[in-house]
Protein backbone atom coordinates (compact mmCIF):
# COMPACT_ATOMS: atom_id res chain seq x y z
CA UNK A 1 -14.01 -5.74 -13.85
CA UNK A 2 -10.37 -5.55 -12.79
CA UNK A 3 -9.73 -4.98 -9.08
CA UNK A 4 -8.50 -1.57 -7.95
CA UNK A 5 -4.73 -1.19 -8.01
CA UNK A 6 -2.29 -1.09 -5.13
CA UNK A 7 0.10 1.86 -5.40
CA UNK A 8 3.68 1.32 -4.25
CA UNK A 9 5.69 4.51 -3.80
CA UNK A 10 9.27 3.27 -3.51
CA UNK A 11 12.54 4.30 -5.14
CA UNK A 12 14.74 1.31 -4.20
CA UNK A 13 14.57 -1.52 -6.80
CA UNK A 14 15.34 -4.20 -4.17
CA UNK A 15 12.46 -3.01 -2.02
CA UNK A 16 10.13 -2.99 -5.05
CA UNK A 17 11.01 -6.64 -5.72
CA UNK A 18 10.46 -7.45 -2.03
CA UNK A 19 6.95 -5.95 -2.12
CA UNK A 20 6.17 -7.75 -5.37
CA UNK A 21 7.10 -11.08 -3.71
CA UNK A 22 4.97 -10.23 -0.66
CA UNK A 23 1.99 -9.47 -2.90
CA UNK A 24 2.46 -12.78 -4.69
CA UNK A 25 2.56 -14.49 -1.30
CA UNK A 26 -0.70 -12.74 -0.38
CA UNK A 27 -2.22 -14.09 -3.63
CA UNK A 28 -3.97 -10.85 -4.52
CA UNK A 29 -5.45 -10.05 -7.93
CA UNK A 30 -4.93 -6.32 -7.51
CA UNK A 31 -2.48 -4.89 -10.04
CA UNK A 32 0.58 -3.15 -8.63
CA UNK A 33 1.49 0.33 -9.82
CA UNK A 34 5.01 1.40 -8.89
CA UNK A 35 6.01 5.04 -8.57
CA UNK A 36 9.55 6.00 -7.62
CA UNK A 37 8.92 9.72 -7.10
CA UNK A 38 6.21 11.86 -5.56
CA UNK A 39 5.39 13.25 -8.99
CA UNK A 40 4.92 9.73 -10.41
CA UNK A 41 2.73 8.80 -7.42
CA UNK A 42 0.49 11.83 -7.93
CA UNK A 43 0.25 11.08 -11.64
CA UNK A 44 -0.66 7.44 -10.90
CA UNK A 45 -3.49 8.55 -8.61
CA UNK A 46 -4.77 10.87 -11.33
CA UNK A 47 -4.42 8.44 -14.23
CA UNK A 48 -5.45 5.17 -12.55
CA UNK A 49 -8.14 6.28 -10.13
CA UNK A 50 -8.22 5.58 -6.43
CA UNK A 51 -5.89 2.79 -5.33
CA UNK A 52 -7.28 0.30 -2.85
CA UNK A 53 -4.08 0.69 -0.80
CA UNK A 54 -0.91 2.79 -0.87
CA UNK A 55 2.38 1.27 0.26
CA UNK A 56 4.62 4.24 0.96
CA UNK A 57 8.30 4.65 1.75
CA UNK A 58 9.04 7.68 3.92
CA UNK A 59 12.43 8.30 2.31
CA UNK A 60 12.30 9.05 -1.40
CA UNK A 61 15.30 10.51 -3.17
CA UNK A 62 17.15 10.80 0.14
CA UNK A 63 14.57 12.94 1.95
CA UNK A 64 11.28 12.39 3.74
CA UNK A 65 9.31 13.22 0.58
CA UNK A 66 7.05 10.21 1.17
CA UNK A 67 5.35 12.13 3.96
CA UNK A 68 4.86 15.08 1.60
CA UNK A 69 3.01 12.73 -0.75
CA UNK A 70 0.91 11.47 2.18
CA UNK A 71 -0.02 15.05 3.08
CA UNK A 72 -0.97 15.70 -0.57
CA UNK A 73 -3.07 12.53 -0.60
CA UNK A 74 -4.95 13.50 2.57
CA UNK A 75 -5.88 16.88 1.06
CA UNK A 76 -7.67 15.15 -1.84
CA UNK A 77 -11.43 14.66 -1.90
CA UNK A 78 -13.06 11.33 -1.06
CA UNK A 79 -12.47 8.54 -1.88
CA UNK A 80 -8.82 9.27 -2.83
CA UNK A 81 -8.16 11.30 0.32
CA UNK A 82 -9.25 8.38 2.51
CA UNK A 83 -7.14 5.71 0.81
CA UNK A 84 -5.51 3.47 3.43
CA UNK A 85 -1.74 3.94 3.63
CA UNK A 86 0.79 1.47 4.93
CA UNK A 87 4.16 3.10 5.60
CA UNK A 88 7.30 1.04 5.00
CA UNK A 89 10.34 2.77 6.41
CA UNK A 90 13.78 2.35 7.90
CA UNK A 91 13.15 5.54 9.85
CA UNK A 92 13.20 5.34 13.61
CA UNK A 93 12.61 9.09 13.82
CA UNK A 94 9.68 9.65 16.17
CA UNK A 95 8.83 12.88 14.34
CA UNK A 96 8.26 10.86 11.15
CA UNK A 97 6.02 8.41 13.00
CA UNK A 98 4.10 11.23 14.66
CA UNK A 99 3.55 13.03 11.34
CA UNK A 100 2.48 9.80 9.65
CA UNK A 101 -0.01 9.09 12.42
CA UNK A 102 -1.32 12.67 12.30
CA UNK A 103 -1.90 12.13 8.58
CA UNK A 104 -4.00 9.05 9.36
CA UNK A 105 -1.57 6.34 8.35
CA UNK A 106 -3.17 2.95 8.80
CA UNK A 107 0.07 1.14 9.67
CA UNK A 108 3.77 1.94 10.05
CA UNK A 109 6.04 -1.06 9.36
CA UNK A 110 9.76 -0.89 9.89
CA UNK A 111 12.08 -2.13 7.18
CA UNK A 112 13.16 -4.79 6.81
CA UNK A 113 9.95 -6.68 7.39
CA UNK A 114 9.59 -10.27 6.26
CA UNK A 115 7.52 -11.10 3.20
CA UNK A 116 5.07 -12.97 5.43
CA UNK A 117 4.61 -10.00 7.80
CA UNK A 118 4.08 -7.64 4.87
CA UNK A 119 1.69 -10.06 3.13
CA UNK A 120 -0.35 -10.39 6.34
CA UNK A 121 -0.40 -6.62 6.83
CA UNK A 122 -1.59 -6.06 3.26
CA UNK A 123 -4.34 -8.66 3.43
CA UNK A 124 -5.53 -7.26 6.76
CA UNK A 125 -6.89 -4.29 4.81
CA UNK A 126 -9.73 -6.49 3.58
CA UNK A 127 -8.47 -7.18 0.10
CA UNK A 128 -9.61 -10.27 -1.73
CA UNK A 129 -7.45 -13.36 -1.98
CA UNK A 130 -8.01 -15.55 -5.01
CA UNK A 131 -7.79 -19.30 -4.56
CA UNK A 132 -7.71 -21.98 -7.25
CA UNK A 133 -10.47 -24.53 -6.52
CA UNK A 134 -11.25 -27.40 -8.90
CA UNK A 135 -9.78 -25.61 -11.89
CA UNK A 136 -11.62 -22.34 -11.27
CA UNK A 137 -10.79 -19.22 -9.31
CA UNK A 138 -12.79 -18.50 -6.21
CA UNK A 139 -12.43 -15.35 -4.16
CA UNK A 140 -12.82 -15.27 -0.43
CA UNK A 141 -12.70 -12.30 1.86
CA UNK A 142 -9.99 -12.23 4.46
CA UNK A 143 -10.42 -11.19 8.07
CA UNK A 144 -10.94 -7.49 8.71
CA UNK A 145 -12.98 -6.87 5.59
CA UNK A 146 -13.97 -3.22 5.50
CA UNK A 147 -17.72 -3.81 5.59
CA UNK A 148 -17.43 -6.41 8.37
CA UNK A 149 -18.90 -9.21 6.24
CA UNK A 150 -17.52 -12.69 5.83
């Protein structure tokens, strides 16, 4: 069974490549689905099921539409409505941060973050890292696994 996808909602191609490199650094098996608009993000949630994590830019198409998507997501039924969201934003606007926190954002990272910081933040959500051991893949849980196990 393929692992649940990670949804990246980002409209800047350079930032998409940055996140792709951070995910490679984190060595995750989860496929990445990229949406550059709110409509694409909603469609991805409908077509691909519940993502294990959403990486969300606040500013899409020049406005704070990312937070509109977050509000839409939180109005959905479980498990989609409870999907962890990591905000990636250049915004220093305290109103954006307050709204994101009110909408139960798991983490708000300022751009530009380093690949290592982003990789660590992503893996802190309890995703599985795959490691090559003696010619075979072995998965090990990272710290902060959701069910508390090791």
